[in-house]
mmCIF file of all heavy atoms, coordinates in Angstrom:
data_MODEL
# 
_entry.id   MODEL 
# 
loop_
_atom_site.group_PDB 
_atom_site.id 
_atom_site.type_symbol 
_atom_site.label_atom_id 
_atom_site.label_alt_id 
_atom_site.label_comp_id 
_atom_site.label_asym_id 
_atom_site.label_entity_id 
_atom_site.label_seq_id 
_atom_site.pdbx_PDB_ins_code 
_atom_site.Cartn_x 
_atom_site.Cartn_y 
_atom_site.Cartn_z 
_atom_site.occupancy 
_atom_site.B_iso_or_equiv 
_atom_site.pdbx_formal_charge 
_atom_site.auth_seq_id 
_atom_site.auth_comp_id 
_atom_site.auth_asym_id 
_atom_site.auth_atom_id 
_atom_site.pdbx_PDB_model_num 
ATOM 1   N N   . THR A 1 1  ? 97.207  92.260  87.076  1.00 0.00 ? 1  THR A N   1 
ATOM 2   C CA  . THR A 1 1  ? 96.420  91.038  87.149  1.00 0.00 ? 1  THR A CA  1 
ATOM 3   C C   . THR A 1 1  ? 97.305  89.839  86.832  1.00 0.00 ? 1  THR A C   1 
ATOM 4   O O   . THR A 1 1  ? 98.129  89.891  85.925  1.00 0.00 ? 1  THR A O   1 
ATOM 5   C CB  . THR A 1 1  ? 95.252  91.084  86.144  1.00 0.00 ? 1  THR A CB  1 
ATOM 6   O OG1 . THR A 1 1  ? 94.463  92.236  86.425  1.00 0.00 ? 1  THR A OG1 1 
ATOM 7   C CG2 . THR A 1 1  ? 94.389  89.849  86.238  1.00 0.00 ? 1  THR A CG2 1 
ATOM 8   N N   . TYR A 1 2  ? 97.114  88.766  87.576  1.00 0.00 ? 2  TYR A N   1 
ATOM 9   C CA  . TYR A 1 2  ? 97.823  87.508  87.339  1.00 0.00 ? 2  TYR A CA  1 
ATOM 10  C C   . TYR A 1 2  ? 96.790  86.390  87.353  1.00 0.00 ? 2  TYR A C   1 
ATOM 11  O O   . TYR A 1 2  ? 95.996  86.286  88.294  1.00 0.00 ? 2  TYR A O   1 
ATOM 12  C CB  . TYR A 1 2  ? 98.880  87.274  88.422  1.00 0.00 ? 2  TYR A CB  1 
ATOM 13  C CG  . TYR A 1 2  ? 99.608  85.964  88.255  1.00 0.00 ? 2  TYR A CG  1 
ATOM 14  C CD1 . TYR A 1 2  ? 100.704 85.871  87.410  1.00 0.00 ? 2  TYR A CD1 1 
ATOM 15  C CD2 . TYR A 1 2  ? 99.193  84.822  88.927  1.00 0.00 ? 2  TYR A CD2 1 
ATOM 16  C CE1 . TYR A 1 2  ? 101.372 84.671  87.242  1.00 0.00 ? 2  TYR A CE1 1 
ATOM 17  C CE2 . TYR A 1 2  ? 99.854  83.612  88.765  1.00 0.00 ? 2  TYR A CE2 1 
ATOM 18  C CZ  . TYR A 1 2  ? 100.936 83.545  87.925  1.00 0.00 ? 2  TYR A CZ  1 
ATOM 19  O OH  . TYR A 1 2  ? 101.589 82.357  87.756  1.00 0.00 ? 2  TYR A OH  1 
ATOM 20  N N   . VAL A 1 3  ? 96.792  85.555  86.321  1.00 0.00 ? 3  VAL A N   1 
ATOM 21  C CA  . VAL A 1 3  ? 95.899  84.398  86.259  1.00 0.00 ? 3  VAL A CA  1 
ATOM 22  C C   . VAL A 1 3  ? 96.726  83.160  86.579  1.00 0.00 ? 3  VAL A C   1 
ATOM 23  O O   . VAL A 1 3  ? 97.676  82.838  85.864  1.00 0.00 ? 3  VAL A O   1 
ATOM 24  C CB  . VAL A 1 3  ? 95.246  84.269  84.867  1.00 0.00 ? 3  VAL A CB  1 
ATOM 25  C CG1 . VAL A 1 3  ? 94.396  83.010  84.788  1.00 0.00 ? 3  VAL A CG1 1 
ATOM 26  C CG2 . VAL A 1 3  ? 94.418  85.504  84.547  1.00 0.00 ? 3  VAL A CG2 1 
ATOM 27  N N   . ASP A 1 4  ? 96.382  82.495  87.659  1.00 0.00 ? 4  ASP A N   1 
ATOM 28  C CA  . ASP A 1 4  ? 97.091  81.294  88.082  1.00 0.00 ? 4  ASP A CA  1 
ATOM 29  C C   . ASP A 1 4  ? 96.391  80.083  87.479  1.00 0.00 ? 4  ASP A C   1 
ATOM 30  O O   . ASP A 1 4  ? 95.401  79.588  88.012  1.00 0.00 ? 4  ASP A O   1 
ATOM 31  C CB  . ASP A 1 4  ? 97.119  81.213  89.613  1.00 0.00 ? 4  ASP A CB  1 
ATOM 32  C CG  . ASP A 1 4  ? 98.092  80.168  90.116  1.00 0.00 ? 4  ASP A CG  1 
ATOM 33  O OD1 . ASP A 1 4  ? 98.744  79.499  89.291  1.00 0.00 ? 4  ASP A OD1 1 
ATOM 34  O OD2 . ASP A 1 4  ? 98.201  80.015  91.342  1.00 0.00 ? 4  ASP A OD2 1 
ATOM 35  N N   . SER A 1 5  ? 96.910  79.603  86.363  1.00 0.00 ? 5  SER A N   1 
ATOM 36  C CA  . SER A 1 5  ? 96.257  78.499  85.655  1.00 0.00 ? 5  SER A CA  1 
ATOM 37  C C   . SER A 1 5  ? 96.823  77.135  86.050  1.00 0.00 ? 5  SER A C   1 
ATOM 38  O O   . SER A 1 5  ? 96.356  76.113  85.563  1.00 0.00 ? 5  SER A O   1 
ATOM 39  C CB  . SER A 1 5  ? 96.396  78.707  84.150  1.00 0.00 ? 5  SER A CB  1 
ATOM 40  O OG  . SER A 1 5  ? 97.766  78.800  83.797  1.00 0.00 ? 5  SER A OG  1 
ATOM 41  N N   . ASN A 1 6  ? 97.800  77.120  86.950  1.00 0.00 ? 6  ASN A N   1 
ATOM 42  C CA  . ASN A 1 6  ? 98.430  75.868  87.361  1.00 0.00 ? 6  ASN A CA  1 
ATOM 43  C C   . ASN A 1 6  ? 97.881  75.398  88.716  1.00 0.00 ? 6  ASN A C   1 
ATOM 44  O O   . ASN A 1 6  ? 98.643  75.094  89.626  1.00 0.00 ? 6  ASN A O   1 
ATOM 45  C CB  . ASN A 1 6  ? 99.951  76.051  87.428  1.00 0.00 ? 6  ASN A CB  1 
ATOM 46  C CG  . ASN A 1 6  ? 100.682 74.750  87.581  1.00 0.00 ? 6  ASN A CG  1 
ATOM 47  O OD1 . ASN A 1 6  ? 100.170 73.696  87.238  1.00 0.00 ? 6  ASN A OD1 1 
ATOM 48  N ND2 . ASN A 1 6  ? 101.876 74.808  88.121  1.00 0.00 ? 6  ASN A ND2 1 
ATOM 49  N N   . VAL A 1 7  ? 96.553  75.386  88.835  1.00 0.00 ? 7  VAL A N   1 
ATOM 50  C CA  . VAL A 1 7  ? 95.902  74.980  90.081  1.00 0.00 ? 7  VAL A CA  1 
ATOM 51  C C   . VAL A 1 7  ? 94.692  74.092  89.787  1.00 0.00 ? 7  VAL A C   1 
ATOM 52  O O   . VAL A 1 7  ? 94.207  74.054  88.669  1.00 0.00 ? 7  VAL A O   1 
ATOM 53  C CB  . VAL A 1 7  ? 95.438  76.203  90.916  1.00 0.00 ? 7  VAL A CB  1 
ATOM 54  C CG1 . VAL A 1 7  ? 96.611  77.013  91.392  1.00 0.00 ? 7  VAL A CG1 1 
ATOM 55  C CG2 . VAL A 1 7  ? 94.470  77.062  90.145  1.00 0.00 ? 7  VAL A CG2 1 
ATOM 56  N N   . ARG A 1 8  ? 94.237  73.415  90.832  1.00 0.00 ? 8  ARG A N   1 
ATOM 57  C CA  . ARG A 1 8  ? 92.983  72.639  90.766  1.00 0.00 ? 8  ARG A CA  1 
ATOM 58  C C   . ARG A 1 8  ? 92.021  73.289  91.754  1.00 0.00 ? 8  ARG A C   1 
ATOM 59  O O   . ARG A 1 8  ? 91.720  72.736  92.819  1.00 0.00 ? 8  ARG A O   1 
ATOM 60  C CB  . ARG A 1 8  ? 93.244  71.188  91.105  1.00 0.00 ? 8  ARG A CB  1 
ATOM 61  C CG  . ARG A 1 8  ? 94.219  70.516  90.142  1.00 0.00 ? 8  ARG A CG  1 
ATOM 62  C CD  . ARG A 1 8  ? 94.441  69.092  90.504  1.00 0.00 ? 8  ARG A CD  1 
ATOM 63  N NE  . ARG A 1 8  ? 94.681  68.955  91.932  1.00 0.00 ? 8  ARG A NE  1 
ATOM 64  C CZ  . ARG A 1 8  ? 95.390  68.003  92.486  1.00 0.00 ? 8  ARG A CZ  1 
ATOM 65  N NH1 . ARG A 1 8  ? 95.949  67.088  91.763  1.00 0.00 ? 8  ARG A NH1 1 
ATOM 66  N NH2 . ARG A 1 8  ? 95.547  67.946  93.798  1.00 0.00 ? 8  ARG A NH2 1 
ATOM 67  N N   . ALA A 1 9  ? 91.549  74.470  91.412  1.00 0.00 ? 9  ALA A N   1 
ATOM 68  C CA  . ALA A 1 9  ? 90.779  75.311  92.328  1.00 0.00 ? 9  ALA A CA  1 
ATOM 69  C C   . ALA A 1 9  ? 89.453  74.684  92.753  1.00 0.00 ? 9  ALA A C   1 
ATOM 70  O O   . ALA A 1 9  ? 88.905  75.056  93.782  1.00 0.00 ? 9  ALA A O   1 
ATOM 71  C CB  . ALA A 1 9  ? 90.527  76.670  91.701  1.00 0.00 ? 9  ALA A CB  1 
ATOM 72  N N   . ASN A 1 10 ? 88.934  73.734  91.996  1.00 0.00 ? 10 ASN A N   1 
ATOM 73  C CA  . ASN A 1 10 ? 87.684  73.084  92.401  1.00 0.00 ? 10 ASN A CA  1 
ATOM 74  C C   . ASN A 1 10 ? 87.931  71.912  93.351  1.00 0.00 ? 10 ASN A C   1 
ATOM 75  O O   . ASN A 1 10 ? 86.985  71.317  93.856  1.00 0.00 ? 10 ASN A O   1 
ATOM 76  C CB  . ASN A 1 10 ? 86.889  72.625  91.178  1.00 0.00 ? 10 ASN A CB  1 
ATOM 77  C CG  . ASN A 1 10 ? 87.667  71.648  90.325  1.00 0.00 ? 10 ASN A CG  1 
ATOM 78  O OD1 . ASN A 1 10 ? 88.896  71.581  90.390  1.00 0.00 ? 10 ASN A OD1 1 
ATOM 79  N ND2 . ASN A 1 10 ? 86.964  70.893  89.501  1.00 0.00 ? 10 ASN A ND2 1 
ATOM 80  N N   . GLU A 1 11 ? 89.219  71.575  93.615  1.00 0.00 ? 11 GLU A N   1 
ATOM 81  C CA  . GLU A 1 11 ? 89.552  70.448  94.479  1.00 0.00 ? 11 GLU A CA  1 
ATOM 82  C C   . GLU A 1 11 ? 90.337  70.842  95.729  1.00 0.00 ? 11 GLU A C   1 
ATOM 83  O O   . GLU A 1 11 ? 90.210  70.186  96.763  1.00 0.00 ? 11 GLU A O   1 
ATOM 84  C CB  . GLU A 1 11 ? 90.388  69.428  93.710  1.00 0.00 ? 11 GLU A CB  1 
ATOM 85  C CG  . GLU A 1 11 ? 89.689  68.835  92.505  1.00 0.00 ? 11 GLU A CG  1 
ATOM 86  C CD  . GLU A 1 11 ? 90.620  67.955  91.696  1.00 0.00 ? 11 GLU A CD  1 
ATOM 87  O OE1 . GLU A 1 11 ? 91.617  67.455  92.253  1.00 0.00 ? 11 GLU A OE1 1 
ATOM 88  O OE2 . GLU A 1 11 ? 90.363  67.784  90.496  1.00 0.00 ? 11 GLU A OE2 1 
ATOM 89  N N   . LEU A 1 12 ? 91.180  71.873  95.630  1.00 0.00 ? 12 LEU A N   1 
ATOM 90  C CA  . LEU A 1 12 ? 92.092  72.237  96.714  1.00 0.00 ? 12 LEU A CA  1 
ATOM 91  C C   . LEU A 1 12 ? 91.961  73.713  97.078  1.00 0.00 ? 12 LEU A C   1 
ATOM 92  O O   . LEU A 1 12 ? 91.617  74.540  96.234  1.00 0.00 ? 12 LEU A O   1 
ATOM 93  C CB  . LEU A 1 12 ? 93.546  71.963  96.301  1.00 0.00 ? 12 LEU A CB  1 
ATOM 94  C CG  . LEU A 1 12 ? 93.884  70.521  95.952  1.00 0.00 ? 12 LEU A CG  1 
ATOM 95  C CD1 . LEU A 1 12 ? 95.266  70.438  95.323  1.00 0.00 ? 12 LEU A CD1 1 
ATOM 96  C CD2 . LEU A 1 12 ? 93.820  69.652  97.196  1.00 0.00 ? 12 LEU A CD2 1 
ATOM 97  N N   . VAL A 1 13 ? 92.261  74.021  98.330  1.00 0.00 ? 13 VAL A N   1 
ATOM 98  C CA  . VAL A 1 13 ? 92.271  75.414  98.779  1.00 0.00 ? 13 VAL A CA  1 
ATOM 99  C C   . VAL A 1 13 ? 93.682  75.962  98.585  1.00 0.00 ? 13 VAL A C   1 
ATOM 100 O O   . VAL A 1 13 ? 94.662  75.362  99.008  1.00 0.00 ? 13 VAL A O   1 
ATOM 101 C CB  . VAL A 1 13 ? 91.853  75.541  100.259 1.00 0.00 ? 13 VAL A CB  1 
ATOM 102 C CG1 . VAL A 1 13 ? 92.016  76.967  100.749 1.00 0.00 ? 13 VAL A CG1 1 
ATOM 103 C CG2 . VAL A 1 13 ? 90.419  75.066  100.439 1.00 0.00 ? 13 VAL A CG2 1 
ATOM 104 N N   . TYR A 1 14 ? 93.757  77.127  97.935  1.00 0.00 ? 14 TYR A N   1 
ATOM 105 C CA  . TYR A 1 14 ? 95.014  77.825  97.726  1.00 0.00 ? 14 TYR A CA  1 
ATOM 106 C C   . TYR A 1 14 ? 94.938  79.166  98.441  1.00 0.00 ? 14 TYR A C   1 
ATOM 107 O O   . TYR A 1 14 ? 93.908  79.839  98.388  1.00 0.00 ? 14 TYR A O   1 
ATOM 108 C CB  . TYR A 1 14 ? 95.266  78.058  96.234  1.00 0.00 ? 14 TYR A CB  1 
ATOM 109 C CG  . TYR A 1 14 ? 95.428  76.774  95.460  1.00 0.00 ? 14 TYR A CG  1 
ATOM 110 C CD1 . TYR A 1 14 ? 94.336  76.155  94.861  1.00 0.00 ? 14 TYR A CD1 1 
ATOM 111 C CD2 . TYR A 1 14 ? 96.671  76.171  95.342  1.00 0.00 ? 14 TYR A CD2 1 
ATOM 112 C CE1 . TYR A 1 14 ? 94.472  74.976  94.159  1.00 0.00 ? 14 TYR A CE1 1 
ATOM 113 C CE2 . TYR A 1 14 ? 96.825  74.988  94.637  1.00 0.00 ? 14 TYR A CE2 1 
ATOM 114 C CZ  . TYR A 1 14 ? 95.721  74.402  94.047  1.00 0.00 ? 14 TYR A CZ  1 
ATOM 115 O OH  . TYR A 1 14 ? 95.863  73.223  93.351  1.00 0.00 ? 14 TYR A OH  1 
ATOM 116 N N   . THR A 1 15 ? 96.004  79.550  99.086  1.00 0.00 ? 15 THR A N   1 
ATOM 117 C CA  . THR A 1 15 ? 96.084  80.822  99.780  1.00 0.00 ? 15 THR A CA  1 
ATOM 118 C C   . THR A 1 15 ? 97.201  81.634  99.139  1.00 0.00 ? 15 THR A C   1 
ATOM 119 O O   . THR A 1 15 ? 98.279  81.101  98.846  1.00 0.00 ? 15 THR A O   1 
ATOM 120 C CB  . THR A 1 15 ? 96.364  80.618  101.280 1.00 0.00 ? 15 THR A CB  1 
ATOM 121 O OG1 . THR A 1 15 ? 95.345  79.756  101.814 1.00 0.00 ? 15 THR A OG1 1 
ATOM 122 C CG2 . THR A 1 15 ? 96.350  81.945  102.028 1.00 0.00 ? 15 THR A CG2 1 
ATOM 123 N N   . TYR A 1 16 ? 96.936  82.931  98.929  1.00 0.00 ? 16 TYR A N   1 
ATOM 124 C CA  . TYR A 1 16 ? 97.869  83.814  98.233  1.00 0.00 ? 16 TYR A CA  1 
ATOM 125 C C   . TYR A 1 16 ? 98.137  85.073  99.047  1.00 0.00 ? 16 TYR A C   1 
ATOM 126 O O   . TYR A 1 16 ? 97.307  85.495  99.844  1.00 0.00 ? 16 TYR A O   1 
ATOM 127 C CB  . TYR A 1 16 ? 97.267  84.281  96.903  1.00 0.00 ? 16 TYR A CB  1 
ATOM 128 C CG  . TYR A 1 16 ? 96.985  83.193  95.916  1.00 0.00 ? 16 TYR A CG  1 
ATOM 129 C CD1 . TYR A 1 16 ? 95.776  82.489  95.943  1.00 0.00 ? 16 TYR A CD1 1 
ATOM 130 C CD2 . TYR A 1 16 ? 97.902  82.868  94.936  1.00 0.00 ? 16 TYR A CD2 1 
ATOM 131 C CE1 . TYR A 1 16 ? 95.500  81.496  95.026  1.00 0.00 ? 16 TYR A CE1 1 
ATOM 132 C CE2 . TYR A 1 16 ? 97.636  81.875  94.001  1.00 0.00 ? 16 TYR A CE2 1 
ATOM 133 C CZ  . TYR A 1 16 ? 96.438  81.193  94.048  1.00 0.00 ? 16 TYR A CZ  1 
ATOM 134 O OH  . TYR A 1 16 ? 96.168  80.214  93.135  1.00 0.00 ? 16 TYR A OH  1 
ATOM 135 N N   . PHE A 1 17 ? 99.300  85.682  98.800  1.00 0.00 ? 17 PHE A N   1 
ATOM 136 C CA  . PHE A 1 17 ? 99.552  87.048  99.234  1.00 0.00 ? 17 PHE A CA  1 
ATOM 137 C C   . PHE A 1 17 ? 100.616 87.669  98.335  1.00 0.00 ? 17 PHE A C   1 
ATOM 138 O O   . PHE A 1 17 ? 101.386 86.969  97.679  1.00 0.00 ? 17 PHE A O   1 
ATOM 139 C CB  . PHE A 1 17 ? 99.955  87.125  100.723 1.00 0.00 ? 17 PHE A CB  1 
ATOM 140 C CG  . PHE A 1 17 ? 101.366 86.691  101.035 1.00 0.00 ? 17 PHE A CG  1 
ATOM 141 C CD1 . PHE A 1 17 ? 102.399 87.616  101.039 1.00 0.00 ? 17 PHE A CD1 1 
ATOM 142 C CD2 . PHE A 1 17 ? 101.653 85.376  101.337 1.00 0.00 ? 17 PHE A CD2 1 
ATOM 143 C CE1 . PHE A 1 17 ? 103.697 87.218  101.327 1.00 0.00 ? 17 PHE A CE1 1 
ATOM 144 C CE2 . PHE A 1 17 ? 102.940 84.978  101.641 1.00 0.00 ? 17 PHE A CE2 1 
ATOM 145 C CZ  . PHE A 1 17 ? 103.973 85.900  101.633 1.00 0.00 ? 17 PHE A CZ  1 
ATOM 146 N N   . TRP A 1 18 ? 100.607 88.997  98.282  1.00 0.00 ? 18 TRP A N   1 
ATOM 147 C CA  . TRP A 1 18 ? 101.567 89.773  97.494  1.00 0.00 ? 18 TRP A CA  1 
ATOM 148 C C   . TRP A 1 18 ? 102.579 90.435  98.423  1.00 0.00 ? 18 TRP A C   1 
ATOM 149 O O   . TRP A 1 18 ? 102.238 90.830  99.534  1.00 0.00 ? 18 TRP A O   1 
ATOM 150 C CB  . TRP A 1 18 ? 100.869 90.903  96.751  1.00 0.00 ? 18 TRP A CB  1 
ATOM 151 C CG  . TRP A 1 18 ? 99.945  90.509  95.651  1.00 0.00 ? 18 TRP A CG  1 
ATOM 152 C CD1 . TRP A 1 18 ? 98.597  90.338  95.759  1.00 0.00 ? 18 TRP A CD1 1 
ATOM 153 C CD2 . TRP A 1 18 ? 100.268 90.275  94.290  1.00 0.00 ? 18 TRP A CD2 1 
ATOM 154 N NE1 . TRP A 1 18 ? 98.066  90.012  94.538  1.00 0.00 ? 18 TRP A NE1 1 
ATOM 155 C CE2 . TRP A 1 18 ? 99.085  89.965  93.616  1.00 0.00 ? 18 TRP A CE2 1 
ATOM 156 C CE3 . TRP A 1 18 ? 101.460 90.308  93.567  1.00 0.00 ? 18 TRP A CE3 1 
ATOM 157 C CZ2 . TRP A 1 18 ? 99.045  89.696  92.256  1.00 0.00 ? 18 TRP A CZ2 1 
ATOM 158 C CZ3 . TRP A 1 18 ? 101.420 90.025  92.209  1.00 0.00 ? 18 TRP A CZ3 1 
ATOM 159 C CH2 . TRP A 1 18 ? 100.221 89.720  91.567  1.00 0.00 ? 18 TRP A CH2 1 
ATOM 160 N N   . THR A 1 19 ? 103.804 90.587  97.948  1.00 0.00 ? 19 THR A N   1 
ATOM 161 C CA  . THR A 1 19 ? 104.828 91.384  98.616  1.00 0.00 ? 19 THR A CA  1 
ATOM 162 C C   . THR A 1 19 ? 105.249 92.474  97.644  1.00 0.00 ? 19 THR A C   1 
ATOM 163 O O   . THR A 1 19 ? 105.517 92.197  96.466  1.00 0.00 ? 19 THR A O   1 
ATOM 164 C CB  . THR A 1 19 ? 106.052 90.526  98.993  1.00 0.00 ? 19 THR A CB  1 
ATOM 165 O OG1 . THR A 1 19 ? 105.655 89.574  99.976  1.00 0.00 ? 19 THR A OG1 1 
ATOM 166 C CG2 . THR A 1 19 ? 107.164 91.373  99.572  1.00 0.00 ? 19 THR A CG2 1 
ATOM 167 N N   . ALA A 1 20 ? 105.292 93.718  98.105  1.00 0.00 ? 20 ALA A N   1 
ATOM 168 C CA  . ALA A 1 20 ? 105.744 94.848  97.282  1.00 0.00 ? 20 ALA A CA  1 
ATOM 169 C C   . ALA A 1 20 ? 107.194 95.146  97.632  1.00 0.00 ? 20 ALA A C   1 
ATOM 170 O O   . ALA A 1 20 ? 107.570 95.186  98.810  1.00 0.00 ? 20 ALA A O   1 
ATOM 171 C CB  . ALA A 1 20 ? 104.878 96.071  97.539  1.00 0.00 ? 20 ALA A CB  1 
ATOM 172 N N   . ILE A 1 21 ? 108.022 95.356  96.593  1.00 0.00 ? 21 ILE A N   1 
ATOM 173 C CA  . ILE A 1 21 ? 109.451 95.597  96.771  1.00 0.00 ? 21 ILE A CA  1 
ATOM 174 C C   . ILE A 1 21 ? 109.809 96.886  96.042  1.00 0.00 ? 21 ILE A C   1 
ATOM 175 O O   . ILE A 1 21 ? 109.458 97.060  94.866  1.00 0.00 ? 21 ILE A O   1 
ATOM 176 C CB  . ILE A 1 21 ? 110.260 94.412  96.219  1.00 0.00 ? 21 ILE A CB  1 
ATOM 177 C CG1 . ILE A 1 21 ? 109.843 93.139  96.953  1.00 0.00 ? 21 ILE A CG1 1 
ATOM 178 C CG2 . ILE A 1 21 ? 111.755 94.664  96.337  1.00 0.00 ? 21 ILE A CG2 1 
ATOM 179 C CD1 . ILE A 1 21 ? 110.321 91.874  96.327  1.00 0.00 ? 21 ILE A CD1 1 
ATOM 180 N N   . ASP A 1 22 ? 110.523 97.790  96.738  1.00 0.00 ? 22 ASP A N   1 
ATOM 181 C CA  . ASP A 1 22 ? 110.885 99.056  96.101  1.00 0.00 ? 22 ASP A CA  1 
ATOM 182 C C   . ASP A 1 22 ? 112.069 98.876  95.142  1.00 0.00 ? 22 ASP A C   1 
ATOM 183 O O   . ASP A 1 22 ? 112.638 97.782  95.026  1.00 0.00 ? 22 ASP A O   1 
ATOM 184 C CB  . ASP A 1 22 ? 111.154 100.156 97.140  1.00 0.00 ? 22 ASP A CB  1 
ATOM 185 C CG  . ASP A 1 22 ? 112.409 99.943  97.968  1.00 0.00 ? 22 ASP A CG  1 
ATOM 186 O OD1 . ASP A 1 22 ? 113.268 99.106  97.606  1.00 0.00 ? 22 ASP A OD1 1 
ATOM 187 O OD2 . ASP A 1 22 ? 112.543 100.639 98.993  1.00 0.00 ? 22 ASP A OD2 1 
ATOM 188 N N   . GLY A 1 23 ? 112.439 99.940  94.463  1.00 0.00 ? 23 GLY A N   1 
ATOM 189 C CA  . GLY A 1 23 ? 113.499 99.902  93.469  1.00 0.00 ? 23 GLY A CA  1 
ATOM 190 C C   . GLY A 1 23 ? 114.867 99.558  94.021  1.00 0.00 ? 23 GLY A C   1 
ATOM 191 O O   . GLY A 1 23 ? 115.776 99.197  93.273  1.00 0.00 ? 23 GLY A O   1 
ATOM 192 N N   . CYS A 1 24 ? 115.056 99.650  95.334  1.00 0.00 ? 24 CYS A N   1 
ATOM 193 C CA  . CYS A 1 24 ? 116.330 99.304  95.984  1.00 0.00 ? 24 CYS A CA  1 
ATOM 194 C C   . CYS A 1 24 ? 116.339 97.862  96.493  1.00 0.00 ? 24 CYS A C   1 
ATOM 195 O O   . CYS A 1 24 ? 117.304 97.435  97.125  1.00 0.00 ? 24 CYS A O   1 
ATOM 196 C CB  . CYS A 1 24 ? 116.597 100.261 97.145  1.00 0.00 ? 24 CYS A CB  1 
ATOM 197 S SG  . CYS A 1 24 ? 116.833 101.962 96.621  1.00 0.00 ? 24 CYS A SG  1 
ATOM 198 N N   . GLY A 1 25 ? 115.251 97.130  96.262  1.00 0.00 ? 25 GLY A N   1 
ATOM 199 C CA  . GLY A 1 25 ? 115.181 95.741  96.697  1.00 0.00 ? 25 GLY A CA  1 
ATOM 200 C C   . GLY A 1 25 ? 114.688 95.544  98.113  1.00 0.00 ? 25 GLY A C   1 
ATOM 201 O O   . GLY A 1 25 ? 114.724 94.431  98.629  1.00 0.00 ? 25 GLY A O   1 
# 
């Protein structure tokens, strides 16, 4: 879990995605 507290979620639209990286990079 990650809490993104550096946003103005009631004013702006934010879009997110995750990238998974293996142990070899």
